[in-house]
């Protein structure tokens, strides 16, 4: 049985991860919808998780994969809390546009 990294190469995983991370950064910087911003943050997190798994497979060490497991569990809790906050904001303001959230300061 051959290692999948020998067939595909770790450079392709790095390239894919960089593309995913850049898509997430552009989504956070240029979108005004809070749900899209949360999805972009999740894309960035998944790009980093992909690198952790690729490098842990490359070095034949399971520590990166264990870290990804816990990272995904924390991300699931983060999404649940974030969406609950967004639902609460939508009920109060009627919109989840980021520009409207500036009025919540004081």
N, C-alpha and C. Protein backbone atom coordinates (compact mmCIF):
# COMPACT_ATOMS: atom_id res chain seq x y z
N UNK A 1 0.85 -1.18 0.00
CA UNK A 1 0.00 0.00 0.00
C UNK A 1 0.89 1.24 0.00
N UNK A 2 0.63 2.14 -0.92
CA UNK A 2 1.45 3.35 -1.02
C UNK A 2 0.82 4.48 -0.24
N UNK A 3 1.64 5.39 0.17
CA UNK A 3 1.18 6.56 0.89
C UNK A 3 0.55 7.53 -0.11
N UNK A 4 -0.55 8.14 0.27
CA UNK A 4 -1.27 9.05 -0.63
C UNK A 4 -0.43 10.29 -0.92
N UNK A 5 0.44 10.66 0.00
CA UNK A 5 1.29 11.83 -0.24
C UNK A 5 2.32 11.57 -1.31
N UNK A 6 2.72 10.30 -1.49
CA UNK A 6 3.65 9.97 -2.56
C UNK A 6 3.01 10.14 -3.93
N UNK A 7 1.71 9.88 -4.01
CA UNK A 7 1.01 10.01 -5.29
C UNK A 7 0.63 11.45 -5.61
N UNK A 8 0.13 12.15 -4.63
CA UNK A 8 -0.37 13.52 -4.87
C UNK A 8 0.71 14.55 -4.59
N UNK A 9 1.46 14.39 -3.55
CA UNK A 9 2.50 15.34 -3.18
C UNK A 9 1.99 16.36 -2.17
N UNK A 10 2.84 16.67 -1.22
CA UNK A 10 2.43 17.60 -0.17
C UNK A 10 2.29 19.02 -0.70
N UNK A 11 2.96 19.33 -1.80
CA UNK A 11 2.87 20.68 -2.37
C UNK A 11 1.44 20.99 -2.79
N UNK A 12 0.74 20.00 -3.31
CA UNK A 12 -0.65 20.22 -3.72
C UNK A 12 -1.56 20.48 -2.53
N UNK A 13 -1.30 19.81 -1.42
CA UNK A 13 -2.07 20.08 -0.20
C UNK A 13 -1.80 21.49 0.31
N UNK A 14 -0.56 21.90 0.26
CA UNK A 14 -0.21 23.26 0.69
C UNK A 14 -0.88 24.28 -0.22
N UNK A 15 -0.84 24.03 -1.52
CA UNK A 15 -1.46 24.95 -2.48
C UNK A 15 -2.97 25.04 -2.26
N UNK A 16 -3.63 23.91 -2.07
CA UNK A 16 -5.07 23.90 -1.81
C UNK A 16 -5.40 24.62 -0.51
N UNK A 17 -4.60 24.40 0.50
CA UNK A 17 -4.83 25.05 1.78
C UNK A 17 -4.65 26.56 1.68
N UNK A 18 -3.65 27.01 0.93
CA UNK A 18 -3.44 28.46 0.75
C UNK A 18 -4.62 29.06 0.00
N UNK A 19 -5.11 28.37 -1.02
CA UNK A 19 -6.27 28.89 -1.78
C UNK A 19 -7.50 28.99 -0.88
N UNK A 20 -7.76 27.95 -0.10
CA UNK A 20 -8.91 27.98 0.81
C UNK A 20 -8.78 29.09 1.84
N UNK A 21 -7.57 29.26 2.38
CA UNK A 21 -7.37 30.30 3.38
C UNK A 21 -7.57 31.69 2.77
N UNK A 22 -7.09 31.90 1.55
CA UNK A 22 -7.26 33.20 0.88
C UNK A 22 -8.73 33.47 0.57
N UNK A 23 -9.47 32.45 0.17
CA UNK A 23 -10.91 32.62 -0.05
C UNK A 23 -11.59 33.04 1.26
N UNK A 24 -11.21 32.42 2.36
CA UNK A 24 -11.77 32.79 3.65
C UNK A 24 -11.42 34.22 4.05
N UNK A 25 -10.18 34.63 3.81
CA UNK A 25 -9.77 35.99 4.16
C UNK A 25 -10.55 37.01 3.33
N UNK A 26 -10.68 36.75 2.04
CA UNK A 26 -11.44 37.68 1.19
C UNK A 26 -12.90 37.73 1.61
N UNK A 27 -13.46 36.59 2.02
CA UNK A 27 -14.84 36.58 2.50
C UNK A 27 -15.02 37.40 3.76
N UNK A 28 -14.05 37.32 4.67
CA UNK A 28 -14.14 38.10 5.91
C UNK A 28 -13.98 39.60 5.62
N UNK A 29 -13.06 39.94 4.72
CA UNK A 29 -12.78 41.35 4.48
C UNK A 29 -13.81 42.06 3.62
N UNK A 30 -14.42 41.36 2.66
CA UNK A 30 -15.24 42.04 1.67
C UNK A 30 -16.73 41.78 1.79
N UNK A 31 -17.16 40.88 2.63
CA UNK A 31 -18.59 40.61 2.76
C UNK A 31 -19.16 41.34 3.96
N UNK A 32 -20.41 41.72 3.87
CA UNK A 32 -21.08 42.44 4.95
C UNK A 32 -22.08 41.58 5.70
N UNK A 33 -22.39 40.41 5.19
CA UNK A 33 -23.35 39.52 5.83
C UNK A 33 -22.61 38.71 6.90
N UNK A 34 -23.16 38.69 8.11
CA UNK A 34 -22.48 38.03 9.23
C UNK A 34 -22.40 36.51 9.03
N UNK A 35 -23.40 35.92 8.40
CA UNK A 35 -23.35 34.47 8.18
C UNK A 35 -22.23 34.13 7.19
N UNK A 36 -22.06 34.94 6.16
CA UNK A 36 -20.97 34.72 5.20
C UNK A 36 -19.62 34.89 5.89
N UNK A 37 -19.53 35.85 6.80
CA UNK A 37 -18.29 36.05 7.54
C UNK A 37 -17.98 34.82 8.40
N UNK A 38 -18.98 34.27 9.08
CA UNK A 38 -18.76 33.05 9.86
C UNK A 38 -18.35 31.88 8.98
N UNK A 39 -18.98 31.76 7.82
CA UNK A 39 -18.60 30.68 6.90
C UNK A 39 -17.17 30.87 6.41
N UNK A 40 -16.76 32.10 6.19
CA UNK A 40 -15.39 32.37 5.74
C UNK A 40 -14.38 32.02 6.82
N UNK A 41 -14.73 32.30 8.06
CA UNK A 41 -13.85 31.93 9.17
C UNK A 41 -13.73 30.41 9.25
N UNK A 42 -14.82 29.71 9.04
CA UNK A 42 -14.77 28.25 9.04
C UNK A 42 -13.93 27.71 7.89
N UNK A 43 -13.98 28.35 6.73
CA UNK A 43 -13.14 27.93 5.61
C UNK A 43 -11.67 28.10 5.97
N UNK A 44 -11.33 29.21 6.62
CA UNK A 44 -9.94 29.42 7.04
C UNK A 44 -9.52 28.35 8.05
N UNK A 45 -10.39 28.04 8.98
CA UNK A 45 -10.08 27.00 9.97
C UNK A 45 -9.89 25.64 9.31
N UNK A 46 -10.72 25.33 8.33
CA UNK A 46 -10.58 24.05 7.64
C UNK A 46 -9.32 24.00 6.79
N UNK A 47 -8.87 25.14 6.27
CA UNK A 47 -7.61 25.17 5.53
C UNK A 47 -6.44 24.83 6.45
N UNK A 48 -6.47 25.38 7.65
CA UNK A 48 -5.41 25.08 8.61
C UNK A 48 -5.49 23.62 9.05
N UNK A 49 -6.71 23.11 9.25
CA UNK A 49 -6.86 21.71 9.62
C UNK A 49 -6.35 20.78 8.52
N UNK A 50 -6.57 21.15 7.27
CA UNK A 50 -6.05 20.37 6.15
C UNK A 50 -4.53 20.30 6.20
N UNK A 51 -3.89 21.43 6.50
CA UNK A 51 -2.43 21.43 6.62
C UNK A 51 -1.96 20.57 7.79
N UNK A 52 -2.66 20.64 8.91
CA UNK A 52 -2.29 19.80 10.05
C UNK A 52 -2.34 18.32 9.67
N UNK A 53 -3.41 17.90 9.00
CA UNK A 53 -3.55 16.50 8.63
C UNK A 53 -2.49 16.12 7.60
N UNK A 54 -2.24 17.00 6.62
CA UNK A 54 -1.25 16.69 5.59
C UNK A 54 0.15 16.54 6.19
N UNK A 55 0.52 17.46 7.06
CA UNK A 55 1.86 17.39 7.64
C UNK A 55 1.98 16.25 8.65
N UNK A 56 0.90 15.94 9.36
CA UNK A 56 1.00 14.81 10.28
C UNK A 56 1.10 13.49 9.51
N UNK A 57 0.45 13.42 8.35
CA UNK A 57 0.61 12.23 7.51
C UNK A 57 2.00 12.18 6.91
N UNK A 58 2.51 13.34 6.51
CA UNK A 58 3.84 13.41 5.91
C UNK A 58 4.92 12.97 6.90
N UNK A 59 4.77 13.38 8.16
CA UNK A 59 5.75 13.03 9.19
C UNK A 59 5.39 11.74 9.91
N UNK A 60 4.29 11.12 9.52
CA UNK A 60 3.80 9.88 10.12
C UNK A 60 3.68 9.99 11.63
N UNK A 61 3.02 11.07 12.04
CA UNK A 61 2.78 11.34 13.46
C UNK A 61 1.31 11.72 13.61
N UNK A 62 0.63 11.14 14.55
CA UNK A 62 -0.81 11.34 14.69
C UNK A 62 -1.17 12.57 15.51
N UNK A 63 -0.21 13.30 16.02
CA UNK A 63 -0.52 14.44 16.88
C UNK A 63 -1.30 15.52 16.13
N UNK A 64 -0.97 15.76 14.88
CA UNK A 64 -1.69 16.76 14.09
C UNK A 64 -3.14 16.35 13.86
N UNK A 65 -3.38 15.08 13.65
CA UNK A 65 -4.74 14.61 13.43
C UNK A 65 -5.56 14.67 14.71
N UNK A 66 -4.94 14.41 15.83
CA UNK A 66 -5.63 14.53 17.11
C UNK A 66 -5.98 15.99 17.38
N UNK A 67 -5.06 16.90 17.06
CA UNK A 67 -5.33 18.32 17.23
C UNK A 67 -6.49 18.76 16.35
N UNK A 68 -6.56 18.25 15.13
CA UNK A 68 -7.65 18.59 14.22
C UNK A 68 -8.98 18.09 14.78
N UNK A 69 -8.97 16.92 15.38
CA UNK A 69 -10.20 16.38 15.98
C UNK A 69 -10.74 17.33 17.04
N UNK A 70 -9.88 17.79 17.94
CA UNK A 70 -10.32 18.70 18.99
C UNK A 70 -10.65 20.08 18.42
N UNK A 71 -9.92 20.50 17.42
CA UNK A 71 -10.19 21.78 16.78
C UNK A 71 -11.57 21.79 16.13
N UNK A 72 -11.94 20.70 15.50
CA UNK A 72 -13.26 20.63 14.88
C UNK A 72 -14.37 20.59 15.92
N UNK A 73 -14.12 19.98 17.06
CA UNK A 73 -15.12 19.97 18.13
C UNK A 73 -15.33 21.37 18.68
N UNK A 74 -14.24 22.12 18.86
CA UNK A 74 -14.36 23.50 19.33
C UNK A 74 -15.04 24.37 18.27
N UNK A 75 -14.74 24.12 17.01
CA UNK A 75 -15.36 24.89 15.93
C UNK A 75 -16.86 24.64 15.87
N UNK A 76 -17.29 23.42 16.13
CA UNK A 76 -18.73 23.13 16.14
C UNK A 76 -19.43 23.89 17.26
N UNK A 77 -18.80 23.95 18.43
CA UNK A 77 -19.37 24.72 19.53
C UNK A 77 -19.38 26.21 19.21
N UNK A 78 -18.33 26.68 18.55
CA UNK A 78 -18.25 28.09 18.15
C UNK A 78 -19.37 28.45 17.19
N UNK A 79 -19.65 27.59 16.25
CA UNK A 79 -20.72 27.84 15.28
C UNK A 79 -22.07 27.87 15.97
N UNK A 80 -22.29 26.97 16.90
CA UNK A 80 -23.57 26.95 17.62
C UNK A 80 -23.79 28.24 18.40
N UNK A 81 -22.76 28.69 19.10
CA UNK A 81 -22.88 29.93 19.87
C UNK A 81 -23.01 31.13 18.94
N UNK A 82 -22.21 31.15 17.87
CA UNK A 82 -22.27 32.27 16.93
C UNK A 82 -23.62 32.39 16.25
N UNK A 83 -24.18 31.27 15.83
CA UNK A 83 -25.50 31.32 15.20
C UNK A 83 -26.59 31.71 16.19
N UNK A 84 -26.46 31.30 17.43
CA UNK A 84 -27.43 31.73 18.45
C UNK A 84 -27.37 33.24 18.65
N UNK A 85 -26.17 33.78 18.66
CA UNK A 85 -26.02 35.24 18.78
C UNK A 85 -26.61 35.94 17.56
N UNK A 86 -26.38 35.39 16.37
CA UNK A 86 -26.93 36.00 15.15
C UNK A 86 -28.45 35.95 15.13
N UNK A 87 -29.05 34.87 15.61
CA UNK A 87 -30.51 34.79 15.67
C UNK A 87 -31.05 35.83 16.63
N UNK A 88 -30.38 36.01 17.74
CA UNK A 88 -30.80 37.03 18.72
C UNK A 88 -30.68 38.44 18.12
N UNK A 89 -29.61 38.70 17.41
CA UNK A 89 -29.44 40.02 16.78
C UNK A 89 -30.49 40.23 15.70
N UNK A 90 -30.80 39.19 14.93
CA UNK A 90 -31.80 39.32 13.88
C UNK A 90 -33.18 39.59 14.47
N UNK A 91 -33.48 38.97 15.59
CA UNK A 91 -34.78 39.22 16.23
C UNK A 91 -34.89 40.65 16.72
N UNK A 92 -33.80 41.22 17.20
CA UNK A 92 -33.83 42.58 17.72
C UNK A 92 -33.75 43.64 16.63
N UNK A 93 -32.91 43.43 15.61
CA UNK A 93 -32.68 44.46 14.60
C UNK A 93 -33.39 44.19 13.27
N UNK A 94 -33.72 42.95 12.99
CA UNK A 94 -34.33 42.61 11.73
C UNK A 94 -33.34 42.45 10.59
N UNK A 95 -32.05 42.51 10.89
CA UNK A 95 -31.01 42.37 9.88
C UNK A 95 -29.75 41.85 10.55
N UNK A 96 -28.92 41.17 9.75
CA UNK A 96 -27.63 40.72 10.27
C UNK A 96 -26.49 41.35 9.49
N UNK A 97 -26.77 42.50 8.90
CA UNK A 97 -25.73 43.23 8.18
C UNK A 97 -24.71 43.77 9.18
N UNK A 98 -23.44 43.62 8.87
CA UNK A 98 -22.38 44.02 9.79
C UNK A 98 -22.39 45.52 10.04
N UNK A 99 -22.78 46.30 9.05
CA UNK A 99 -22.83 47.75 9.24
C UNK A 99 -23.87 48.15 10.28
N UNK A 100 -24.94 47.38 10.40
CA UNK A 100 -25.97 47.68 11.42
C UNK A 100 -25.52 47.29 12.82
N UNK A 101 -24.52 46.42 12.92
CA UNK A 101 -24.06 45.98 14.24
C UNK A 101 -23.22 47.05 14.93
N UNK A 102 -22.78 48.06 14.21
CA UNK A 102 -22.02 49.14 14.82
C UNK A 102 -22.88 49.95 15.79
N UNK A 103 -24.19 49.90 15.63
CA UNK A 103 -25.10 50.63 16.51
C UNK A 103 -25.25 49.98 17.87
N UNK A 104 -24.72 48.79 18.07
CA UNK A 104 -24.85 48.08 19.34
C UNK A 104 -23.82 48.50 20.38
N UNK A 105 -22.93 49.41 20.02
CA UNK A 105 -21.84 49.78 20.93
C UNK A 105 -22.32 50.46 22.20
N UNK A 106 -23.26 51.33 22.11
CA UNK A 106 -23.54 52.05 23.33
C UNK A 106 -24.91 52.48 23.44
